C-alpha atoms as a PDB file:
ATOM      1  CA  MET A   1      30.285  26.359  68.559  1.00  0.00           C
ATOM      2  CA  GLN A   2      31.505  25.891  65.019  1.00  0.00           C
ATOM      3  CA  ALA A   3      31.586  22.095  65.449  1.00  0.00           C
ATOM      4  CA  ALA A   4      27.937  22.088  66.491  1.00  0.00           C
ATOM      5  CA  LEU A   5      26.662  23.740  63.305  1.00  0.00           C
ATOM      6  CA  PRO A   6      26.884  20.660  61.055  1.00  0.00           C
ATOM      7  CA  VAL A   7      24.998  18.620  63.668  1.00  0.00           C
ATOM      8  CA  SER A   8      22.311  21.298  63.827  1.00  0.00           C
ATOM      9  CA  ASN A   9      21.978  21.363  60.020  1.00  0.00           C
ATOM     10  CA  ARG A  10      21.796  17.579  59.930  1.00  0.00           C
ATOM     11  CA  THR A  11      19.071  17.630  62.575  1.00  0.00           C
ATOM     12  CA  VAL A  12      17.042  20.194  60.608  1.00  0.00           C
ATOM     13  CA  SER A  13      17.463  18.112  57.452  1.00  0.00           C
ATOM     14  CA  LEU A  14      16.338  14.946  59.205  1.00  0.00           C
ATOM     15  CA  SER A  15      13.403  16.814  60.719  1.00  0.00           C
ATOM     16  CA  ARG A  16      12.308  18.070  57.321  1.00  0.00           C
ATOM     17  CA  LYS A  17      12.702  14.613  55.825  1.00  0.00           C
ATOM     18  CA  SER A  18      10.658  13.032  58.569  1.00  0.00           C
ATOM     19  CA  TRP A  19       7.858  15.552  58.023  1.00  0.00           C
ATOM     20  CA  SER A  20       7.849  14.845  54.306  1.00  0.00           C
ATOM     21  CA  GLN A  21       7.755  11.120  55.009  1.00  0.00           C
ATOM     22  CA  ARG A  22       4.827  11.624  57.367  1.00  0.00           C
ATOM     23  CA  LEU A  23       2.878  13.682  54.860  1.00  0.00           C
ATOM     24  CA  LEU A  24       3.565  11.424  51.886  1.00  0.00           C
ATOM     25  CA  PRO A  25       0.965   8.704  52.775  1.00  0.00           C
ATOM     26  CA  TYR A  26      -1.734  11.352  53.259  1.00  0.00           C
ATOM     27  CA  LEU A  27      -0.857  12.969  49.957  1.00  0.00           C
ATOM     28  CA  MET A  28      -1.051   9.576  48.246  1.00  0.00           C
ATOM     29  CA  ILE A  29      -4.559   8.837  49.539  1.00  0.00           C
ATOM     30  CA  ALA A  30      -5.818  12.408  49.123  1.00  0.00           C
ATOM     31  CA  PRO A  31      -7.169  11.906  45.542  1.00  0.00           C
ATOM     32  CA  THR A  32      -8.994   8.729  46.561  1.00  0.00           C
ATOM     33  CA  PHE A  33     -10.402  10.373  49.669  1.00  0.00           C
ATOM     34  CA  LEU A  34     -11.562  13.349  47.588  1.00  0.00           C
ATOM     35  CA  ILE A  35     -13.363  11.072  45.132  1.00  0.00           C
ATOM     36  CA  VAL A  36     -14.987   9.085  47.959  1.00  0.00           C
ATOM     37  CA  PHE A  37     -16.045  12.301  49.665  1.00  0.00           C
ATOM     38  CA  LEU A  38     -17.528  13.880  46.519  1.00  0.00           C
ATOM     39  CA  PHE A  39     -19.274  10.808  45.131  1.00  0.00           C
ATOM     40  CA  THR A  40     -20.090   8.772  48.265  1.00  0.00           C
ATOM     41  CA  LEU A  41     -20.004  10.620  51.574  1.00  0.00           C
ATOM     42  CA  LYS A  42     -21.448  13.941  50.421  1.00  0.00           C
ATOM     43  CA  PRO A  43     -24.358  12.382  48.454  1.00  0.00           C
ATOM     44  CA  ALA A  44     -25.109  10.040  51.370  1.00  0.00           C
ATOM     45  CA  VAL A  45     -25.283  12.902  53.864  1.00  0.00           C
ATOM     46  CA  SER A  46     -27.366  14.962  51.421  1.00  0.00           C
ATOM     47  CA  ALA A  47     -29.789  12.050  50.957  1.00  0.00           C
ATOM     48  CA  VAL A  48     -30.255  11.701  54.728  1.00  0.00           C
ATOM     49  CA  ILE A  49     -30.950  15.437  55.087  1.00  0.00           C
ATOM     50  CA  ASP A  50     -33.254  15.610  52.041  1.00  0.00           C
ATOM     51  CA  SER A  51     -35.244  12.600  53.278  1.00  0.00           C
ATOM     52  CA  THR A  52     -36.476  14.774  56.155  1.00  0.00           C
ATOM     53  CA  LEU A  53     -37.599  17.632  53.883  1.00  0.00           C
ATOM     54  CA  LYS A  54     -40.710  18.254  51.829  1.00  0.00           C
ATOM     55  CA  PRO A  55     -40.085  20.228  48.633  1.00  0.00           C
ATOM     56  CA  ALA A  56     -42.057  23.411  48.219  1.00  0.00           C
ATOM     57  CA  ARG A  57     -44.446  23.787  45.324  1.00  0.00           C
ATOM     58  CA  LEU A  58     -42.372  26.589  43.852  1.00  0.00           C
ATOM     59  CA  ALA A  59     -38.679  26.049  43.129  1.00  0.00           C
ATOM     60  CA  GLN A  60     -37.684  29.365  44.652  1.00  0.00           C
ATOM     61  CA  ASP A  61     -39.320  28.572  48.008  1.00  0.00           C
ATOM     62  CA  PRO A  62     -37.333  26.722  50.700  1.00  0.00           C
ATOM     63  CA  PRO A  63     -38.294  23.114  51.556  1.00  0.00           C
ATOM     64  CA  ALA A  64     -40.141  22.368  54.782  1.00  0.00           C
ATOM     65  CA  PHE A  65     -38.728  20.130  57.492  1.00  0.00           C
ATOM     66  CA  VAL A  66     -41.066  17.174  58.120  1.00  0.00           C
ATOM     67  CA  GLY A  67     -38.826  14.829  60.127  1.00  0.00           C
ATOM     68  CA  LEU A  68     -39.677  11.171  59.568  1.00  0.00           C
ATOM     69  CA  GLN A  69     -42.970  11.889  57.830  1.00  0.00           C
ATOM     70  CA  ASN A  70     -41.587  10.861  54.435  1.00  0.00           C
ATOM     71  CA  TYR A  71     -40.672   7.448  55.849  1.00  0.00           C
ATOM     72  CA  ALA A  72     -44.124   7.079  57.419  1.00  0.00           C
ATOM     73  CA  ASP A  73     -45.781   7.961  54.106  1.00  0.00           C
ATOM     74  CA  LEU A  74     -43.996   5.089  52.382  1.00  0.00           C
ATOM     75  CA  PHE A  75     -45.753   2.606  54.663  1.00  0.00           C
ATOM     76  CA  ASN A  76     -49.105   4.391  54.505  1.00  0.00           C
ATOM     77  CA  PRO A  77     -51.425   2.544  52.086  1.00  0.00           C
ATOM     78  CA  THR A  78     -53.428   5.714  51.472  1.00  0.00           C
ATOM     79  CA  HIS A  79     -50.395   7.623  50.166  1.00  0.00           C
ATOM     80  CA  HIS A  80     -49.817   7.624  46.417  1.00  0.00           C
ATOM     81  CA  LEU A  81     -46.341   6.091  46.875  1.00  0.00           C
ATOM     82  CA  GLY A  82     -47.048   4.132  50.046  1.00  0.00           C
ATOM     83  CA  ALA A  83     -49.786   2.185  48.274  1.00  0.00           C
ATOM     84  CA  ARG A  84     -47.105   0.688  46.003  1.00  0.00           C
ATOM     85  CA  PHE A  85     -43.946   0.743  48.099  1.00  0.00           C
ATOM     86  CA  GLY A  86     -44.738  -2.203  50.402  1.00  0.00           C
ATOM     87  CA  GLY A  87     -45.279  -4.649  47.544  1.00  0.00           C
ATOM     88  CA  ILE A  88     -42.244  -3.353  45.649  1.00  0.00           C
ATOM     89  CA  LEU A  89     -40.057  -3.719  48.748  1.00  0.00           C
ATOM     90  CA  LEU A  90     -41.224  -7.329  49.094  1.00  0.00           C
ATOM     91  CA  ASN A  91     -40.526  -7.943  45.396  1.00  0.00           C
ATOM     92  CA  THR A  92     -37.002  -6.573  45.819  1.00  0.00           C
ATOM     93  CA  ILE A  93     -36.234  -8.794  48.810  1.00  0.00           C
ATOM     94  CA  LEU A  94     -37.604 -11.890  47.035  1.00  0.00           C
ATOM     95  CA  PHE A  95     -35.678 -10.972  43.900  1.00  0.00           C
ATOM     96  CA  ALA A  96     -32.413 -10.521  45.818  1.00  0.00           C
ATOM     97  CA  PHE A  97     -32.686 -13.726  47.819  1.00  0.00           C
ATOM     98  CA  GLY A  98     -33.917 -15.683  44.795  1.00  0.00           C
ATOM     99  CA  THR A  99     -30.989 -14.485  42.696  1.00  0.00           C
ATOM    100  CA  VAL A 100     -28.472 -15.331  45.422  1.00  0.00           C
ATOM    101  CA  ALA A 101     -30.038 -18.700  46.292  1.00  0.00           C
ATOM    102  CA  ILE A 102     -29.983 -19.853  42.665  1.00  0.00           C
ATOM    103  CA  GLY A 103     -26.958 -18.037  41.255  1.00  0.00           C
ATOM    104  CA  MET A 104     -24.353 -18.820  43.923  1.00  0.00           C
ATOM    105  CA  PRO A 105     -24.745 -22.643  43.895  1.00  0.00           C
ATOM    106  CA  LEU A 106     -24.734 -22.599  40.096  1.00  0.00           C
ATOM    107  CA  ALA A 107     -21.602 -20.453  40.017  1.00  0.00           C
ATOM    108  CA  LEU A 108     -19.844 -22.749  42.480  1.00  0.00           C
ATOM    109  CA  GLY A 109     -20.909 -25.837  40.537  1.00  0.00           C
ATOM    110  CA  PHE A 110     -19.652 -24.373  37.262  1.00  0.00           C
ATOM    111  CA  ALA A 111     -16.360 -23.391  38.914  1.00  0.00           C
ATOM    112  CA  LEU A 112     -15.886 -26.910  40.280  1.00  0.00           C
ATOM    113  CA  LEU A 113     -16.597 -28.311  36.821  1.00  0.00           C
ATOM    114  CA  ILE A 114     -14.281 -25.935  34.957  1.00  0.00           C
ATOM    115  CA  ASN A 115     -11.517 -26.403  37.527  1.00  0.00           C
ATOM    116  CA  ARG A 116     -11.135 -30.023  36.426  1.00  0.00           C
ATOM    117  CA  ARG A 117      -9.379 -31.242  33.315  1.00  0.00           C
ATOM    118  CA  LEU A 118     -12.020 -31.284  30.600  1.00  0.00           C
ATOM    119  CA  PRO A 119     -11.817 -31.456  26.817  1.00  0.00           C
ATOM    120  CA  LEU A 120     -12.375 -28.018  25.267  1.00  0.00           C
ATOM    121  CA  ARG A 121     -12.201 -26.431  28.714  1.00  0.00           C
ATOM    122  CA  GLY A 122     -11.583 -22.990  27.173  1.00  0.00           C
ATOM    123  CA  VAL A 123     -14.811 -23.253  25.179  1.00  0.00           C
ATOM    124  CA  TRP A 124     -16.738 -24.196  28.320  1.00  0.00           C
ATOM    125  CA  ARG A 125     -15.265 -21.241  30.205  1.00  0.00           C
ATOM    126  CA  PHE A 126     -16.179 -18.845  27.426  1.00  0.00           C
ATOM    127  CA  GLY A 127     -19.704 -20.243  27.252  1.00  0.00           C
ATOM    128  CA  PHE A 128     -20.280 -19.748  30.972  1.00  0.00           C
ATOM    129  CA  VAL A 129     -18.715 -16.279  31.105  1.00  0.00           C
ATOM    130  CA  TYR A 130     -20.176 -14.848  27.883  1.00  0.00           C
ATOM    131  CA  PRO A 131     -23.625 -13.916  29.314  1.00  0.00           C
ATOM    132  CA  SER A 132     -21.963 -11.764  31.980  1.00  0.00           C
ATOM    133  CA  LEU A 133     -20.102  -9.854  29.247  1.00  0.00           C
ATOM    134  CA  LEU A 134     -23.312  -8.765  27.553  1.00  0.00           C
ATOM    135  CA  PRO A 135     -24.882  -5.428  28.500  1.00  0.00           C
ATOM    136  CA  LEU A 136     -27.927  -6.050  30.663  1.00  0.00           C
ATOM    137  CA  ILE A 137     -30.194  -4.268  28.226  1.00  0.00           C
ATOM    138  CA  GLY A 138     -28.930  -6.637  25.509  1.00  0.00           C
ATOM    139  CA  ALA A 139     -29.557  -9.667  27.716  1.00  0.00           C
ATOM    140  CA  ALA A 140     -33.059  -8.346  28.414  1.00  0.00           C
ATOM    141  CA  SER A 141     -33.723  -8.035  24.675  1.00  0.00           C
ATOM    142  CA  ILE A 142     -32.613 -11.631  24.081  1.00  0.00           C
ATOM    143  CA  TRP A 143     -34.841 -12.953  26.839  1.00  0.00           C
ATOM    144  CA  ALA A 144     -37.747 -10.767  25.728  1.00  0.00           C
ATOM    145  CA  PHE A 145     -37.665 -12.758  22.487  1.00  0.00           C
ATOM    146  CA  ILE A 146     -37.368 -16.055  24.373  1.00  0.00           C
ATOM    147  CA  TYR A 147     -40.334 -15.184  26.592  1.00  0.00           C
ATOM    148  CA  ALA A 148     -42.469 -13.686  23.791  1.00  0.00           C
ATOM    149  CA  ASP A 149     -46.023 -14.943  24.036  1.00  0.00           C
ATOM    150  CA  GLN A 150     -46.605 -16.273  20.501  1.00  0.00           C
ATOM    151  CA  VAL A 151     -43.399 -15.950  18.503  1.00  0.00           C
ATOM    152  CA  GLY A 152     -40.818 -16.578  21.227  1.00  0.00           C
ATOM    153  CA  LEU A 153     -38.452 -19.518  21.556  1.00  0.00           C
ATOM    154  CA  LEU A 154     -40.298 -21.001  24.538  1.00  0.00           C
ATOM    155  CA  ALA A 155     -43.587 -20.614  22.684  1.00  0.00           C
ATOM    156  CA  ALA A 156     -42.157 -22.642  19.789  1.00  0.00           C
ATOM    157  CA  ILE A 157     -40.965 -25.363  22.165  1.00  0.00           C
ATOM    158  CA  LEU A 158     -43.930 -25.548  24.536  1.00  0.00           C
ATOM    159  CA  ARG A 159     -46.581 -24.504  21.987  1.00  0.00           C
ATOM    160  CA  ALA A 160     -50.035 -24.669  23.579  1.00  0.00           C
ATOM    161  CA  ALA A 161     -48.596 -25.228  27.049  1.00  0.00           C
ATOM    162  CA  ASN A 162     -46.557 -22.027  26.942  1.00  0.00           C
ATOM    163  CA  PRO A 163     -47.696 -19.606  29.694  1.00  0.00           C
ATOM    164  CA  ASN A 164     -47.506 -15.833  29.505  1.00  0.00           C
ATOM    165  CA  TRP A 165     -44.158 -15.508  31.280  1.00  0.00           C
ATOM    166  CA  LEU A 166     -43.980 -11.717  31.384  1.00  0.00           C
ATOM    167  CA  GLY A 167     -47.711 -11.035  31.627  1.00  0.00           C
ATOM    168  CA  SER A 168     -48.702 -13.412  34.409  1.00  0.00           C
ATOM    169  CA  PRO A 169     -48.517 -11.880  37.917  1.00  0.00           C
ATOM    170  CA  GLY A 170     -47.482 -15.216  39.403  1.00  0.00           C
ATOM    171  CA  LEU A 171     -44.678 -15.912  36.918  1.00  0.00           C
ATOM    172  CA  VAL A 172     -43.181 -12.566  35.985  1.00  0.00           C
ATOM    173  CA  LEU A 173     -40.875 -12.102  38.986  1.00  0.00           C
ATOM    174  CA  GLY A 174     -39.476 -15.624  38.620  1.00  0.00           C
ATOM    175  CA  ALA A 175     -38.903 -14.994  34.911  1.00  0.00           C
ATOM    176  CA  VAL A 176     -36.888 -11.848  35.689  1.00  0.00           C
ATOM    177  CA  ILE A 177     -34.885 -13.742  38.341  1.00  0.00           C
ATOM    178  CA  VAL A 178     -33.945 -16.350  35.715  1.00  0.00           C
ATOM    179  CA  VAL A 179     -32.614 -13.641  33.402  1.00  0.00           C
ATOM    180  CA  ASN A 180     -30.623 -12.014  36.196  1.00  0.00           C
ATOM    181  CA  VAL A 181     -29.098 -15.367  37.232  1.00  0.00           C
ATOM    182  CA  TRP A 182     -28.223 -16.166  33.623  1.00  0.00           C
ATOM    183  CA  SER A 183     -26.477 -12.820  33.130  1.00  0.00           C
ATOM    184  CA  GLN A 184     -24.424 -12.813  36.347  1.00  0.00           C
ATOM    185  CA  THR A 185     -23.568 -16.429  37.181  1.00  0.00           C
ATOM    186  CA  GLY A 186     -20.543 -16.466  34.875  1.00  0.00           C
ATOM    187  CA  TYR A 187     -18.958 -13.544  36.703  1.00  0.00           C
ATOM    188  CA  TYR A 188     -19.412 -15.198  40.089  1.00  0.00           C
ATOM    189  CA  MET A 189     -18.044 -18.424  38.606  1.00  0.00           C
ATOM    190  CA  LEU A 190     -14.774 -16.647  37.822  1.00  0.00           C
ATOM    191  CA  LEU A 191     -14.500 -15.492  41.433  1.00  0.00           C
ATOM    192  CA  PHE A 192     -15.063 -19.015  42.743  1.00  0.00           C
ATOM    193  CA  LEU A 193     -12.636 -20.386  40.170  1.00  0.00           C
ATOM    194  CA  ALA A 194      -9.943 -17.986  41.370  1.00  0.00           C
ATOM    195  CA  GLY A 195     -10.557 -19.153  44.930  1.00  0.00           C
ATOM    196  CA  LEU A 196     -10.368 -22.816  43.936  1.00  0.00           C
ATOM    197  CA  GLN A 197      -7.103 -22.343  42.099  1.00  0.00           C
ATOM    198  CA  GLY A 198      -5.657 -20.697  45.188  1.00  0.00           C
ATOM    199  CA  ILE A 199      -6.097 -23.870  47.249  1.00  0.00           C
ATOM    200  CA  PRO A 200      -2.865 -25.934  47.300  1.00  0.00           C
ATOM    201  CA  ARG A 201      -3.175 -29.308  45.581  1.00  0.00           C
ATOM    202  CA  ASP A 202      -1.118 -30.883  48.360  1.00  0.00           C
ATOM    203  CA  LEU A 203      -4.114 -30.641  50.665  1.00  0.00           C
ATOM    204  CA  TYR A 204      -6.246 -32.742  48.321  1.00  0.00           C
ATOM    205  CA  GLU A 205      -3.482 -35.286  47.877  1.00  0.00           C
ATOM    206  CA  ALA A 206      -3.118 -35.610  51.647  1.00  0.00           C
ATOM    207  CA  ALA A 207      -6.894 -35.950  52.045  1.00  0.00           C
ATOM    208  CA  ALA A 208      -6.985 -38.646  49.354  1.00  0.00           C
ATOM    209  CA  LEU A 209      -4.220 -40.563  51.133  1.00  0.00           C
ATOM    210  CA  ASP A 210      -6.320 -40.421  54.306  1.00  0.00           C
ATOM    211  CA  GLY A 211      -9.188 -42.058  52.426  1.00  0.00           C
ATOM    212  CA  ALA A 212     -11.442 -39.010  51.864  1.00  0.00           C
ATOM    213  CA  ASN A 213     -13.644 -39.270  48.790  1.00  0.00           C
ATOM    214  CA  TYR A 214     -14.665 -36.380  46.527  1.00  0.00           C
ATOM    215  CA  TRP A 215     -17.696 -35.307  48.547  1.00  0.00           C
ATOM    216  CA  GLN A 216     -15.812 -35.445  51.827  1.00  0.00           C
ATOM    217  CA  GLN A 217     -13.060 -33.299  50.331  1.00  0.00           C
ATOM    218  CA  LEU A 218     -15.683 -30.862  49.054  1.00  0.00           C
ATOM    219  CA  LEU A 219     -17.491 -30.508  52.390  1.00  0.00           C
ATOM    220  CA  ARG A 220     -14.522 -30.676  54.765  1.00  0.00           C
ATOM    221  CA  LEU A 221     -11.804 -29.020  52.679  1.00  0.00           C
ATOM    222  CA  THR A 222     -13.009 -27.005  49.684  1.00  0.00           C
ATOM    223  CA  LEU A 223     -15.974 -25.173  51.175  1.00  0.00           C
ATOM    224  CA  PRO A 224     -14.220 -24.099  54.403  1.00  0.00           C
ATOM    225  CA  LEU A 225     -11.246 -22.792  52.428  1.00  0.00           C
ATOM    226  CA  LEU A 226     -13.606 -20.874  50.126  1.00  0.00           C
ATOM    227  CA  ARG A 227     -15.237 -19.090  53.060  1.00  0.00           C
ATOM    228  CA  ARG A 228     -13.692 -15.694  52.240  1.00  0.00           C
ATOM    229  CA  THR A 229     -14.512 -16.011  48.555  1.00  0.00           C
ATOM    230  CA  THR A 230     -18.067 -17.062  49.360  1.00  0.00           C
ATOM    231  CA  LEU A 231     -18.511 -14.038  51.604  1.00  0.00           C
ATOM    232  CA  PHE A 232     -17.303 -11.717  48.857  1.00  0.00           C
ATOM    233  CA  VAL A 233     -19.518 -13.325  46.199  1.00  0.00           C
ATOM    234  CA  LEU A 234     -22.501 -13.276  48.547  1.00  0.00           C
ATOM    235  CA  THR A 235     -22.062  -9.580  49.308  1.00  0.00           C
ATOM    236  CA  VAL A 236     -21.507  -8.593  45.677  1.00  0.00           C
ATOM    237  CA  SER A 237     -24.393 -10.669  44.321  1.00  0.00           C
ATOM    238  CA  PHE A 238     -26.814  -9.351  46.929  1.00  0.00           C
ATOM    239  CA  THR A 239     -25.753  -5.760  46.259  1.00  0.00           C
ATOM    240  CA  PHE A 240     -26.048  -6.185  42.488  1.00  0.00           C
ATOM    241  CA  ALA A 241     -29.520  -7.680  42.912  1.00  0.00           C
ATOM    242  CA  PHE A 242     -30.733  -4.380  44.357  1.00  0.00           C
ATOM    243  CA  GLN A 243     -29.403  -2.506  41.334  1.00  0.00           C
ATOM    244  CA  ALA A 244     -31.491  -4.175  38.635  1.00  0.00           C
ATOM    245  CA  VAL A 245     -32.850  -1.478  36.339  1.00  0.00           C
ATOM    246  CA  GLU A 246     -31.909  -2.386  32.773  1.00  0.00           C
ATOM    247  CA  LEU A 247     -33.573  -5.811  32.993  1.00  0.00           C
ATOM    248  CA  LEU A 248     -36.905  -4.276  33.957  1.00  0.00           C
ATOM    249  CA  GLN A 249     -36.568  -1.575  31.321  1.00  0.00           C
ATOM    250  CA  GLY A 250     -36.097  -4.210  28.619  1.00  0.00           C
ATOM    251  CA  LEU A 251     -38.522  -6.857  29.896  1.00  0.00           C
ATOM    252  CA  THR A 252     -41.500  -5.674  31.929  1.00  0.00           C
ATOM    253  CA  GLU A 253     -41.137  -2.022  33.007  1.00  0.00           C
ATOM    254  CA  GLY A 254     -42.236  -3.219  36.429  1.00  0.00           C
ATOM    255  CA  GLY A 255     -45.521  -4.732  35.307  1.00  0.00           C
ATOM    256  CA  PRO A 256     -47.986  -6.207  35.366  1.00  0.00           C
ATOM    257  CA  GLY A 257     -49.385  -4.255  38.295  1.00  0.00           C
ATOM    258  CA  ASP A 258     -45.934  -3.727  39.907  1.00  0.00           C
ATOM    259  CA  ARG A 259     -45.545  -7.489  40.351  1.00  0.00           C
ATOM    260  CA  SER A 260     -42.016  -7.346  38.892  1.00  0.00           C
ATOM    261  CA  ASN A 261     -41.161  -3.810  40.000  1.00  0.00           C
ATOM    262  CA  LEU A 262     -38.054  -3.284  42.134  1.00  0.00           C
ATOM    263  CA  ILE A 263     -36.960  -0.426  44.373  1.00  0.00           C
ATOM    264  CA  LEU A 264     -34.331   1.112  42.109  1.00  0.00           C
ATOM    265  CA  TYR A 265     -36.657   1.054  39.108  1.00  0.00           C
ATOM    266  CA  PHE A 266     -39.399   2.506  41.315  1.00  0.00           C
ATOM    267  CA  ILE A 267     -37.056   5.388  42.133  1.00  0.00           C
ATOM    268  CA  TYR A 268     -36.389   5.866  38.419  1.00  0.00           C
ATOM    269  CA  GLN A 269     -40.134   5.988  37.712  1.00  0.00           C
ATOM    270  CA  ASN A 270     -40.933   8.636  40.322  1.00  0.00           C
ATOM    271  CA  ILE A 271     -37.849  10.836  40.586  1.00  0.00           C
ATOM    272  CA  GLY A 272     -39.117  13.180  37.872  1.00  0.00           C
ATOM    273  CA  GLU A 273     -41.887  14.631  40.076  1.00  0.00           C
ATOM    274  CA  ARG A 274     -40.750  17.361  42.434  1.00  0.00           C
ATOM    275  CA  ARG A 275     -43.227  16.415  45.154  1.00  0.00           C
ATOM    276  CA  ASN A 276     -41.622  12.958  45.434  1.00  0.00           C
ATOM    277  CA  TRP A 277     -38.044  14.075  46.077  1.00  0.00           C
ATOM    278  CA  GLY A 278     -38.225  13.703  49.851  1.00  0.00           C
ATOM    279  CA  HIS A 279     -39.801  10.261  49.547  1.00  0.00           C
ATOM    280  CA  ILE A 280     -37.259   9.186  46.933  1.00  0.00           C
ATOM    281  CA  ASN A 281     -34.423  10.079  49.291  1.00  0.00           C
ATOM    282  CA  ALA A 282     -36.172   8.170  52.069  1.00  0.00           C
ATOM    283  CA  ILE A 283     -36.411   5.113  49.801  1.00  0.00           C
ATOM    284  CA  THR A 284     -32.700   5.457  49.027  1.00  0.00           C
ATOM    285  CA  ILE A 285     -31.852   5.456  52.740  1.00  0.00           C
ATOM    286  CA  ILE A 286     -34.067   2.423  53.367  1.00  0.00           C
ATOM    287  CA  LEU A 287     -32.362   0.576  50.519  1.00  0.00           C
ATOM    288  CA  ALA A 288     -28.894   1.457  51.840  1.00  0.00           C
ATOM    289  CA  VAL A 289     -29.837   0.310  55.355  1.00  0.00           C
ATOM    290  CA  ILE A 290     -31.113  -3.044  54.056  1.00  0.00           C
ATOM    291  CA  VAL A 291     -27.898  -3.677  52.124  1.00  0.00           C
ATOM    292  CA  LEU A 292     -25.795  -2.591  55.116  1.00  0.00           C
ATOM    293  CA  ILE A 293     -27.657  -4.889  57.525  1.00  0.00           C
ATOM    294  CA  PHE A 294     -27.300  -7.852  55.177  1.00  0.00           C
ATOM    295  CA  THR A 295     -23.594  -7.161  54.597  1.00  0.00           C
ATOM    296  CA  LEU A 296     -22.813  -6.851  58.300  1.00  0.00           C
ATOM    297  CA  SER A 297     -24.844  -9.972  59.071  1.00  0.00           C
ATOM    298  CA  SER A 298     -22.929 -11.916  56.434  1.00  0.00           C
ATOM    299  CA  PHE A 299     -19.574 -10.761  57.805  1.00  0.00           C
ATOM    300  CA  LEU A 300     -20.546 -11.687  61.368  1.00  0.00           C
ATOM    301  CA  PHE A 301     -21.886 -15.087  60.309  1.00  0.00           C
ATOM    302  CA  PHE A 302     -18.850 -16.052  58.252  1.00  0.00           C
ATOM    303  CA  GLU A 303     -16.363 -14.699  60.769  1.00  0.00           C
ATOM    304  CA  ARG A 304     -18.023 -16.628  63.592  1.00  0.00           C
ATOM    305  CA  GLY A 305     -18.147 -19.743  61.432  1.00  0.00           C
ATOM    306  CA  GLY A 306     -14.446 -19.321  60.647  1.00  0.00           C
ATOM    307  CA  ARG A 307     -13.512 -19.082  64.329  1.00  0.00           C
ATOM    308  CA  GLU A 308     -15.578 -22.152  65.191  1.00  0.00           C
ATOM    309  CA  SER A 309     -13.997 -24.179  62.373  1.00  0.00           C
ATOM    310  CA  GLU A 310     -10.488 -23.171  63.516  1.00  0.00           C
ATOM    311  CA  ARG A 311     -11.217 -24.507  67.000  1.00  0.00           C
END
């Protein structure tokens, strides 16, 4: 009996140690989980619930449950928000796809250029990255001067042929897209540059020995190996495009006639009125669903393309 006591103590010690080892990973992720719960999960669930409620006229009265009526109102042209929401949703989609379609090829092209041995390569890198370091409200102020109707830089260059960039309904959204591309392309260039520098040089040397020229190496080697980086840049750029607020605040304030207005700025304009709270939460859910659908579609497309290329 006495000889069994040390074994029993050792077993208890090992048992306690194993429990501490099991709990340690959960304790390590507990702060992160708490932050995600407080600032992501809880607000998301609250937004879904509030999107089905209609605030009462008096603050002390409880809200009324209306189901999906708030969503239906947004697509009702006779509603005070629905009359504007359809056009603003279209503007947001065009803005997002326009930013991605222009910004990503430019970022990749700049990364390919900077990845080569160039004189004053550090100066070129700084020049491409500097716009992304500026606050968006500062970038908007710079471009507000460039676009100014009579005293702006473009007005001095084009003179009589200078159109009203920020006042013309047909030009204003494109003008805002240009500013957004200018301010973000440098950041995406750094991501592509990191991906390019992660590709072993031996692969290019072997391709050159096999007779592949630059364009063949780009299409058959570089782009497939940048698939993961491209997916990340695509997701980030599309998500950022839906978050444009400062640019509109400094350039157009959504005008003229909501032709440059975007969903997030539309939320900012209307969140101050109590009667709009249910609709604002519904708009938030619609925006989140659009981003989620695009992200999942991008993952499925790139993953399927990766499997097909590996075959």
